[in-house]
């Protein structure tokens, strides 16, 4: 699970499962993309979530 690390900037520490989850979400969002601009539009509208380890 992702963990937020406080400091000058907030960091999100992710493990391999978190990274793979983001990749799966990305692939699902852009699977019907036709070009770079269309991909950008799809990603702007999409929400990506990581569970936080509390």
N, C-alpha and C. Protein backbone atom coordinates (compact mmCIF):
# COMPACT_ATOMS: atom_id res chain seq x y z
N UNK A 1 0.83 -1.18 0.00
CA UNK A 1 0.00 0.00 0.00
C UNK A 1 0.88 1.24 0.00
N UNK A 2 0.37 2.29 -0.59
CA UNK A 2 1.10 3.54 -0.67
C UNK A 2 1.21 4.18 0.70
N UNK A 3 2.30 4.91 0.90
CA UNK A 3 2.52 5.60 2.16
C UNK A 3 2.98 7.01 1.84
N UNK A 4 2.32 8.01 2.44
CA UNK A 4 2.69 9.41 2.23
C UNK A 4 3.80 9.75 3.22
N UNK A 5 4.87 10.35 2.70
CA UNK A 5 6.01 10.76 3.53
C UNK A 5 6.03 12.28 3.55
N UNK A 6 5.90 12.85 4.74
CA UNK A 6 5.87 14.31 4.89
C UNK A 6 7.29 14.85 4.91
N UNK A 7 7.46 16.01 4.39
CA UNK A 7 8.74 16.70 4.38
C UNK A 7 8.54 18.04 3.71
N UNK A 8 9.58 18.55 3.05
CA UNK A 8 9.41 19.79 2.28
C UNK A 8 8.35 19.58 1.21
N UNK A 9 8.39 18.41 0.62
CA UNK A 9 7.39 18.01 -0.37
C UNK A 9 6.80 16.69 0.09
N UNK A 10 5.52 16.49 -0.16
CA UNK A 10 4.91 15.22 0.19
C UNK A 10 5.28 14.19 -0.87
N UNK A 11 5.74 13.05 -0.43
CA UNK A 11 6.11 11.97 -1.33
C UNK A 11 5.17 10.79 -1.10
N UNK A 12 4.95 10.03 -2.13
CA UNK A 12 4.16 8.82 -2.00
C UNK A 12 5.09 7.65 -2.30
N UNK A 13 5.33 6.85 -1.28
CA UNK A 13 6.17 5.67 -1.46
C UNK A 13 5.27 4.53 -1.93
N UNK A 14 5.63 3.93 -3.06
CA UNK A 14 4.80 2.88 -3.64
C UNK A 14 5.60 1.60 -3.75
N UNK A 15 4.91 0.49 -3.54
CA UNK A 15 5.56 -0.80 -3.75
C UNK A 15 5.24 -1.29 -5.16
N UNK A 16 5.72 -2.46 -5.51
CA UNK A 16 5.53 -2.99 -6.87
C UNK A 16 4.05 -3.15 -7.20
N UNK A 17 3.25 -3.59 -6.25
CA UNK A 17 1.81 -3.76 -6.50
C UNK A 17 1.13 -2.43 -6.80
N UNK A 18 1.55 -1.36 -6.11
CA UNK A 18 1.00 -0.04 -6.37
C UNK A 18 1.33 0.42 -7.78
N UNK A 19 2.57 0.23 -8.18
CA UNK A 19 3.00 0.63 -9.52
C UNK A 19 2.21 -0.15 -10.58
N UNK A 20 2.07 -1.44 -10.37
CA UNK A 20 1.31 -2.26 -11.33
C UNK A 20 -0.14 -1.83 -11.39
N UNK A 21 -0.71 -1.43 -10.27
CA UNK A 21 -2.10 -0.96 -10.24
C UNK A 21 -2.25 0.31 -11.08
N UNK A 22 -1.30 1.22 -10.97
CA UNK A 22 -1.34 2.45 -11.76
C UNK A 22 -1.21 2.12 -13.24
N UNK A 23 -0.32 1.20 -13.58
CA UNK A 23 -0.15 0.81 -14.98
C UNK A 23 -1.43 0.20 -15.53
N UNK A 24 -2.08 -0.65 -14.74
CA UNK A 24 -3.35 -1.25 -15.18
C UNK A 24 -4.42 -0.18 -15.40
N UNK A 25 -4.50 0.78 -14.46
CA UNK A 25 -5.47 1.86 -14.61
C UNK A 25 -5.18 2.67 -15.87
N UNK A 26 -3.91 2.98 -16.10
CA UNK A 26 -3.50 3.73 -17.29
C UNK A 26 -3.88 2.98 -18.56
N UNK A 27 -3.57 1.69 -18.61
CA UNK A 27 -3.87 0.90 -19.80
C UNK A 27 -5.37 0.83 -20.05
N UNK A 28 -6.16 0.75 -18.99
CA UNK A 28 -7.61 0.70 -19.14
C UNK A 28 -8.13 2.02 -19.72
N UNK A 29 -7.59 3.13 -19.25
CA UNK A 29 -8.05 4.45 -19.69
C UNK A 29 -7.69 4.71 -21.14
N UNK A 30 -6.48 4.33 -21.56
CA UNK A 30 -6.00 4.71 -22.89
C UNK A 30 -6.13 3.62 -23.95
N UNK A 31 -6.80 2.53 -23.63
CA UNK A 31 -6.86 1.41 -24.58
C UNK A 31 -7.52 1.78 -25.91
N UNK A 32 -8.40 2.77 -25.91
CA UNK A 32 -9.08 3.17 -27.15
C UNK A 32 -8.57 4.50 -27.69
N UNK A 33 -7.41 4.91 -27.22
CA UNK A 33 -6.85 6.18 -27.67
C UNK A 33 -6.40 6.10 -29.12
N UNK A 34 -6.57 7.20 -29.84
CA UNK A 34 -6.22 7.20 -31.26
C UNK A 34 -4.94 7.98 -31.56
N UNK A 35 -4.55 8.90 -30.65
CA UNK A 35 -3.31 9.65 -30.84
C UNK A 35 -2.90 10.30 -29.52
N UNK A 36 -1.78 11.00 -29.56
CA UNK A 36 -1.22 11.60 -28.34
C UNK A 36 -2.21 12.58 -27.69
N UNK A 37 -2.80 13.47 -28.48
CA UNK A 37 -3.72 14.46 -27.94
C UNK A 37 -4.93 13.80 -27.30
N UNK A 38 -5.44 12.77 -27.95
CA UNK A 38 -6.58 12.04 -27.40
C UNK A 38 -6.20 11.36 -26.09
N UNK A 39 -5.01 10.81 -26.02
CA UNK A 39 -4.53 10.18 -24.79
C UNK A 39 -4.47 11.21 -23.67
N UNK A 40 -3.94 12.39 -23.96
CA UNK A 40 -3.88 13.47 -22.95
C UNK A 40 -5.27 13.84 -22.45
N UNK A 41 -6.24 13.94 -23.36
CA UNK A 41 -7.60 14.28 -22.97
C UNK A 41 -8.19 13.20 -22.07
N UNK A 42 -7.98 11.94 -22.43
CA UNK A 42 -8.50 10.85 -21.62
C UNK A 42 -7.89 10.85 -20.22
N UNK A 43 -6.58 11.10 -20.14
CA UNK A 43 -5.91 11.10 -18.85
C UNK A 43 -6.31 12.30 -17.99
N UNK A 44 -6.60 13.43 -18.63
CA UNK A 44 -7.06 14.61 -17.88
C UNK A 44 -8.39 14.34 -17.20
N UNK A 45 -9.24 13.54 -17.83
CA UNK A 45 -10.57 13.24 -17.30
C UNK A 45 -10.55 12.09 -16.29
N UNK A 46 -9.51 11.29 -16.30
CA UNK A 46 -9.45 10.09 -15.47
C UNK A 46 -8.98 10.40 -14.05
N UNK A 47 -9.45 9.62 -13.11
CA UNK A 47 -8.98 9.68 -11.73
C UNK A 47 -8.21 8.42 -11.43
N UNK A 48 -7.03 8.57 -10.84
CA UNK A 48 -6.22 7.44 -10.44
C UNK A 48 -6.13 7.43 -8.91
N UNK A 49 -6.30 6.26 -8.33
CA UNK A 49 -6.30 6.14 -6.88
C UNK A 49 -5.32 5.08 -6.42
N UNK A 50 -4.68 5.36 -5.28
CA UNK A 50 -3.84 4.39 -4.59
C UNK A 50 -4.33 4.31 -3.16
N UNK A 51 -4.48 3.12 -2.63
CA UNK A 51 -4.86 3.04 -1.21
C UNK A 51 -3.69 3.51 -0.35
N UNK A 52 -4.01 4.25 0.70
CA UNK A 52 -2.97 4.76 1.60
C UNK A 52 -2.83 3.83 2.79
N UNK A 53 -1.60 3.54 3.15
CA UNK A 53 -1.31 2.73 4.32
C UNK A 53 -1.36 3.63 5.53
N UNK A 54 -2.30 3.37 6.44
CA UNK A 54 -2.42 4.23 7.63
C UNK A 54 -2.08 3.48 8.89
